[in-house]
Protein backbone atom coordinates (compact mmCIF):
# COMPACT_ATOMS: atom_id res chain seq x y z
CA MET A 1 0.00 0.00 0.00
CA ASP A 2 1.14 3.51 -0.75
CA ILE A 3 1.27 5.35 2.58
CA SER A 4 3.55 8.15 1.43
CA LYS A 5 0.96 10.81 2.40
CA ILE A 6 0.97 9.56 5.97
CA GLU A 7 4.76 9.37 6.08
CA ARG A 8 5.05 12.95 4.75
CA SER A 9 2.78 14.20 7.56
CA TYR A 10 5.41 13.12 10.11
CA SER A 11 7.99 15.75 11.03
CA GLN A 12 11.60 15.00 10.16
CA ASN A 13 12.67 17.07 13.19
CA GLY A 14 12.08 16.36 16.84
CA ARG A 15 11.50 13.01 18.48
CA ASN A 16 11.07 9.84 16.48
CA GLU A 17 7.47 8.84 16.06
CA TYR A 18 6.21 5.28 15.95
CA PRO A 19 6.55 3.89 12.40
CA PRO A 20 3.28 4.62 10.56
CA ARG A 21 3.48 1.43 8.49
CA ILE A 22 3.45 -0.69 11.66
CA LEU A 23 0.61 1.32 13.20
CA LEU A 24 -1.41 0.84 10.03
CA LYS A 25 -0.77 -2.92 10.07
CA ILE A 26 -1.87 -3.11 13.68
CA LEU A 27 -5.05 -1.12 13.07
CA ILE A 28 -6.07 -3.11 10.00
CA TYR A 29 -5.52 -6.38 11.85
CA ALA A 30 -7.33 -5.11 14.96
CA TYR A 31 -10.34 -4.03 12.88
CA MET A 32 -10.39 -7.44 11.18
CA ARG A 33 -10.54 -8.99 14.67
CA MET A 34 -13.30 -6.50 15.66
CA ILE A 35 -11.09 -4.71 18.18
CA TYR A 36 -11.78 -0.98 17.99
CA SER A 37 -10.77 0.51 21.34
CA SER A 38 -7.27 1.95 21.44
CA ARG A 39 -6.82 0.50 24.93
CA GLU A 40 -7.88 -2.95 23.71
CA ILE A 41 -5.50 -2.66 20.76
CA GLU A 42 -2.69 -1.72 23.15
CA ARG A 43 -3.52 -4.76 25.31
CA ALA A 44 -3.59 -7.04 22.25
CA CYS A 45 -0.16 -5.75 21.21
CA ARG A 46 1.21 -6.80 24.60
CA GLU A 47 -0.60 -10.16 24.90
CA ASN A 48 -1.49 -11.53 21.46
CA ILE A 49 1.24 -13.31 19.49
CA CYS A 50 -0.24 -12.22 16.15
CA PHE A 51 0.01 -8.55 17.09
CA MET A 52 3.52 -9.12 18.41
CA TYR A 53 4.49 -10.59 15.06
CA LEU A 54 3.19 -7.49 13.27
CA LEU A 55 5.20 -5.30 15.65
CA GLY A 56 8.44 -7.02 14.74
CA ASP A 57 11.14 -5.63 17.03
CA GLN A 58 9.10 -2.57 18.05
CA ALA A 59 7.66 -2.20 21.53
CA ALA A 60 3.88 -2.18 21.83
CA PRO A 61 2.46 1.32 21.24
CA ASP A 62 0.43 2.86 24.02
CA HIS A 63 -3.23 3.74 23.53
CA ASN A 64 -2.47 7.46 23.14
CA THR A 65 -0.14 6.75 20.21
CA ILE A 66 -2.81 4.62 18.55
CA ALA A 67 -5.50 7.26 19.12
CA ARG A 68 -3.29 10.11 17.82
CA PHE A 69 -2.47 8.11 14.68
CA ARG A 70 -6.14 7.34 14.07
CA THR A 71 -7.36 10.91 14.51
CA GLY A 72 -4.35 12.59 12.90
CA PRO A 73 -2.41 11.25 9.92
CA LEU A 74 -4.78 8.36 9.17
CA LYS A 75 -7.98 10.41 9.22
CA ALA A 76 -6.97 12.47 6.19
CA VAL A 77 -6.24 9.47 3.95
CA LYS A 78 -8.48 6.69 5.27
CA GLN A 79 -10.77 6.65 2.22
CA GLU A 80 -7.82 6.43 -0.17
CA LEU A 81 -6.24 3.62 1.85
CA LEU A 82 -9.53 1.74 1.96
CA GLU A 83 -9.78 1.95 -1.83
CA GLN A 84 -6.20 0.64 -2.17
CA LEU A 85 -6.96 -2.22 0.19
CA VAL A 86 -10.10 -3.21 -1.71
CA ARG A 87 -8.18 -3.14 -5.00
CA MET A 88 -5.49 -5.39 -3.51
CA LEU A 89 -8.11 -7.84 -2.24
CA VAL A 90 -9.87 -7.96 -5.61
CA GLU A 91 -6.57 -8.73 -7.38
């Protein structure tokens, strides 16, 4: 998926943010498992082996990080990403 718009919204200065590609993977998988609460997603990242696999070597994000990603960078491009995902699934 092309997430360049999300990546461009992150500042190159200041502290390092959580990788947007990993946050997107976590959210898509959580929604597929019908987990919508940012606190529940945080818990799943700490306890569920499938979420841990998606995290790779990253620590589990806290619920605030998940919520900020959802209401910030993701909100502006969610329709475009959904269309990309549907196209990928059709192919």
